[in-house]
């Protein structure tokens, strides 16, 4: 075959990231719950860490685009 084998958590993380990019946060919440459940059974939690970082980044981007720009120096 030659292709790297992806785990289920890799696939869920990929869909989670897409849901965040597409502002499907209700769906992303369900996927995050699935990632949390999978991480509780594993010692390596890098997918869960990546999911939290993705969510934070999406929230920051959303906040920046909806907040009015401040005028002035402060």
N, C-alpha and C. Protein backbone atom coordinates (compact mmCIF):
# COMPACT_ATOMS: atom_id res chain seq x y z
N UNK A 1 0.82 -1.20 0.00
CA UNK A 1 0.00 0.00 0.00
C UNK A 1 0.85 1.26 0.00
N UNK A 2 1.76 1.45 0.92
CA UNK A 2 2.64 2.59 0.92
C UNK A 2 2.12 3.83 1.63
N UNK A 3 0.84 3.97 1.82
CA UNK A 3 0.29 5.15 2.50
C UNK A 3 0.39 4.97 4.01
N UNK A 4 0.61 6.06 4.69
CA UNK A 4 0.65 6.01 6.15
C UNK A 4 -0.73 5.72 6.70
N UNK A 5 -0.79 4.89 7.70
CA UNK A 5 -2.08 4.55 8.31
C UNK A 5 -2.48 5.67 9.27
N UNK A 6 -3.66 6.21 9.08
CA UNK A 6 -4.18 7.24 9.97
C UNK A 6 -5.06 6.59 11.01
N UNK A 7 -4.99 7.12 12.22
CA UNK A 7 -5.85 6.62 13.29
C UNK A 7 -7.21 7.30 13.21
N UNK A 8 -8.16 6.74 13.91
CA UNK A 8 -9.49 7.33 13.97
C UNK A 8 -9.41 8.74 14.55
N UNK A 9 -8.58 8.93 15.58
CA UNK A 9 -8.47 10.26 16.17
C UNK A 9 -7.87 11.27 15.19
N UNK A 10 -6.97 10.82 14.30
CA UNK A 10 -6.44 11.70 13.26
C UNK A 10 -7.57 12.16 12.34
N UNK A 11 -8.43 11.23 11.97
CA UNK A 11 -9.55 11.56 11.09
C UNK A 11 -10.53 12.52 11.77
N UNK A 12 -10.85 12.26 13.03
CA UNK A 12 -11.77 13.12 13.77
C UNK A 12 -11.17 14.52 13.92
N UNK A 13 -9.86 14.59 14.20
CA UNK A 13 -9.19 15.88 14.32
C UNK A 13 -9.28 16.66 13.01
N UNK A 14 -9.07 15.98 11.89
CA UNK A 14 -9.15 16.65 10.59
C UNK A 14 -10.55 17.23 10.35
N UNK A 15 -11.57 16.46 10.68
CA UNK A 15 -12.95 16.94 10.51
C UNK A 15 -13.24 18.08 11.49
N UNK A 16 -12.72 17.98 12.73
CA UNK A 16 -12.87 19.04 13.72
C UNK A 16 -12.29 20.35 13.18
N UNK A 17 -11.07 20.28 12.64
CA UNK A 17 -10.42 21.49 12.11
C UNK A 17 -11.24 22.09 10.97
N UNK A 18 -11.78 21.23 10.12
CA UNK A 18 -12.61 21.73 9.02
C UNK A 18 -13.87 22.39 9.55
N UNK A 19 -14.50 21.78 10.54
CA UNK A 19 -15.71 22.36 11.13
C UNK A 19 -15.41 23.74 11.71
N UNK A 20 -14.27 23.88 12.37
CA UNK A 20 -13.90 25.19 12.91
C UNK A 20 -13.67 26.20 11.80
N UNK A 21 -12.95 25.80 10.75
CA UNK A 21 -12.70 26.71 9.63
C UNK A 21 -13.99 27.18 8.98
N UNK A 22 -14.99 26.30 8.96
CA UNK A 22 -16.26 26.62 8.31
C UNK A 22 -17.29 27.18 9.30
N UNK A 23 -16.83 27.53 10.50
CA UNK A 23 -17.68 28.12 11.55
C UNK A 23 -18.85 27.22 11.93
N UNK A 24 -18.65 25.94 11.89
CA UNK A 24 -19.65 24.95 12.32
C UNK A 24 -19.32 24.55 13.75
N UNK A 25 -19.51 25.49 14.68
CA UNK A 25 -19.04 25.29 16.05
C UNK A 25 -19.88 24.30 16.84
N UNK A 26 -21.14 24.15 16.52
CA UNK A 26 -21.94 23.14 17.21
C UNK A 26 -21.42 21.74 16.86
N UNK A 27 -21.16 21.51 15.59
CA UNK A 27 -20.57 20.24 15.16
C UNK A 27 -19.18 20.07 15.76
N UNK A 28 -18.38 21.13 15.74
CA UNK A 28 -17.03 21.07 16.31
C UNK A 28 -17.07 20.66 17.78
N UNK A 29 -18.08 21.12 18.50
CA UNK A 29 -18.21 20.77 19.91
C UNK A 29 -18.41 19.26 20.09
N UNK A 30 -19.24 18.66 19.24
CA UNK A 30 -19.44 17.20 19.30
C UNK A 30 -18.15 16.46 18.97
N UNK A 31 -17.44 16.95 17.96
CA UNK A 31 -16.18 16.31 17.57
C UNK A 31 -15.13 16.46 18.67
N UNK A 32 -15.12 17.61 19.34
CA UNK A 32 -14.20 17.80 20.46
C UNK A 32 -14.51 16.82 21.58
N UNK A 33 -15.78 16.59 21.84
CA UNK A 33 -16.17 15.59 22.85
C UNK A 33 -15.65 14.21 22.47
N UNK A 34 -15.73 13.87 21.19
CA UNK A 34 -15.21 12.58 20.73
C UNK A 34 -13.70 12.51 20.92
N UNK A 35 -13.00 13.58 20.60
CA UNK A 35 -11.55 13.61 20.79
C UNK A 35 -11.18 13.48 22.26
N UNK A 36 -11.95 14.14 23.13
CA UNK A 36 -11.70 14.03 24.57
C UNK A 36 -11.92 12.60 25.06
N UNK A 37 -12.96 11.95 24.56
CA UNK A 37 -13.22 10.55 24.95
C UNK A 37 -12.09 9.64 24.49
N UNK A 38 -11.61 9.84 23.28
CA UNK A 38 -10.51 9.02 22.77
C UNK A 38 -9.22 9.29 23.53
N UNK A 39 -8.97 10.56 23.87
CA UNK A 39 -7.74 10.92 24.59
C UNK A 39 -7.72 10.33 25.99
N UNK A 40 -8.89 10.15 26.59
CA UNK A 40 -8.94 9.59 27.94
C UNK A 40 -8.47 8.14 27.97
N UNK A 41 -8.44 7.49 26.81
CA UNK A 41 -8.00 6.10 26.72
C UNK A 41 -6.58 5.97 26.19
N UNK A 42 -5.91 7.10 25.93
CA UNK A 42 -4.57 7.08 25.34
C UNK A 42 -3.60 7.83 26.23
N UNK A 43 -2.32 7.52 26.10
CA UNK A 43 -1.30 8.28 26.82
C UNK A 43 -0.84 9.47 26.00
N UNK A 44 -0.93 9.38 24.68
CA UNK A 44 -0.52 10.47 23.80
C UNK A 44 -1.75 11.31 23.47
N UNK A 45 -1.75 12.52 23.94
CA UNK A 45 -2.93 13.39 23.75
C UNK A 45 -2.65 14.53 22.77
N UNK A 46 -1.75 14.33 21.82
CA UNK A 46 -1.40 15.43 20.92
C UNK A 46 -2.57 15.86 20.05
N UNK A 47 -3.46 14.95 19.68
CA UNK A 47 -4.62 15.35 18.88
C UNK A 47 -5.54 16.27 19.68
N UNK A 48 -5.71 15.97 20.96
CA UNK A 48 -6.57 16.81 21.80
C UNK A 48 -5.95 18.19 21.98
N UNK A 49 -4.64 18.23 22.21
CA UNK A 49 -3.95 19.52 22.32
C UNK A 49 -4.10 20.32 21.02
N UNK A 50 -3.95 19.65 19.90
CA UNK A 50 -4.10 20.32 18.60
C UNK A 50 -5.52 20.85 18.41
N UNK A 51 -6.50 20.09 18.88
CA UNK A 51 -7.90 20.53 18.76
C UNK A 51 -8.14 21.79 19.59
N UNK A 52 -7.64 21.80 20.82
CA UNK A 52 -7.81 22.99 21.66
C UNK A 52 -7.14 24.20 21.02
N UNK A 53 -5.94 24.02 20.48
CA UNK A 53 -5.24 25.13 19.84
C UNK A 53 -5.99 25.62 18.60
N UNK A 54 -6.55 24.71 17.85
CA UNK A 54 -7.35 25.08 16.67
C UNK A 54 -8.57 25.89 17.09
N UNK A 55 -9.25 25.43 18.13
CA UNK A 55 -10.45 26.12 18.60
C UNK A 55 -10.11 27.54 19.08
N UNK A 56 -9.02 27.66 19.84
CA UNK A 56 -8.59 28.98 20.32
C UNK A 56 -8.29 29.90 19.14
N UNK A 57 -7.57 29.39 18.15
CA UNK A 57 -7.22 30.20 16.98
C UNK A 57 -8.48 30.65 16.24
N UNK A 58 -9.45 29.78 16.10
CA UNK A 58 -10.70 30.15 15.41
C UNK A 58 -11.47 31.20 16.20
N UNK A 59 -11.49 31.07 17.51
CA UNK A 59 -12.17 32.05 18.35
C UNK A 59 -11.50 33.41 18.24
N UNK A 60 -10.17 33.41 18.24
CA UNK A 60 -9.44 34.68 18.11
C UNK A 60 -9.70 35.32 16.76
N UNK A 61 -9.72 34.54 15.70
CA UNK A 61 -9.99 35.07 14.37
C UNK A 61 -11.40 35.64 14.30
N UNK A 62 -12.35 34.94 14.87
CA UNK A 62 -13.73 35.41 14.87
C UNK A 62 -13.89 36.68 15.67
N UNK A 63 -13.19 36.77 16.79
CA UNK A 63 -13.26 37.97 17.62
C UNK A 63 -12.66 39.15 16.89
N UNK A 64 -11.53 38.94 16.24
CA UNK A 64 -10.87 40.03 15.53
C UNK A 64 -11.74 40.55 14.39
N UNK A 65 -12.43 39.66 13.71
CA UNK A 65 -13.19 40.12 12.55
C UNK A 65 -14.50 40.80 12.94
N UNK A 66 -14.99 40.55 14.17
CA UNK A 66 -16.27 41.15 14.55
C UNK A 66 -16.11 42.36 15.46
N UNK A 67 -14.94 42.54 16.06
CA UNK A 67 -14.74 43.71 16.92
C UNK A 67 -14.41 44.92 16.08
N UNK A 68 -14.95 46.08 16.47
CA UNK A 68 -14.60 47.29 15.73
C UNK A 68 -13.14 47.64 15.96
N UNK A 69 -12.50 48.18 14.94
CA UNK A 69 -11.11 48.59 15.08
C UNK A 69 -11.05 49.85 15.91
N UNK A 70 -10.06 49.89 16.81
CA UNK A 70 -9.90 51.06 17.67
C UNK A 70 -9.03 52.08 16.97
N UNK A 71 -9.38 53.31 17.14
CA UNK A 71 -8.60 54.41 16.59
C UNK A 71 -7.68 54.93 17.67
N UNK A 72 -6.52 55.38 17.30
CA UNK A 72 -5.62 55.97 18.28
C UNK A 72 -4.51 55.03 18.69
N UNK A 73 -3.73 55.47 19.69
CA UNK A 73 -2.53 54.75 20.10
C UNK A 73 -2.76 53.63 21.08
N UNK A 74 -3.73 53.68 21.96
CA UNK A 74 -3.89 52.66 23.00
C UNK A 74 -4.69 51.56 22.47
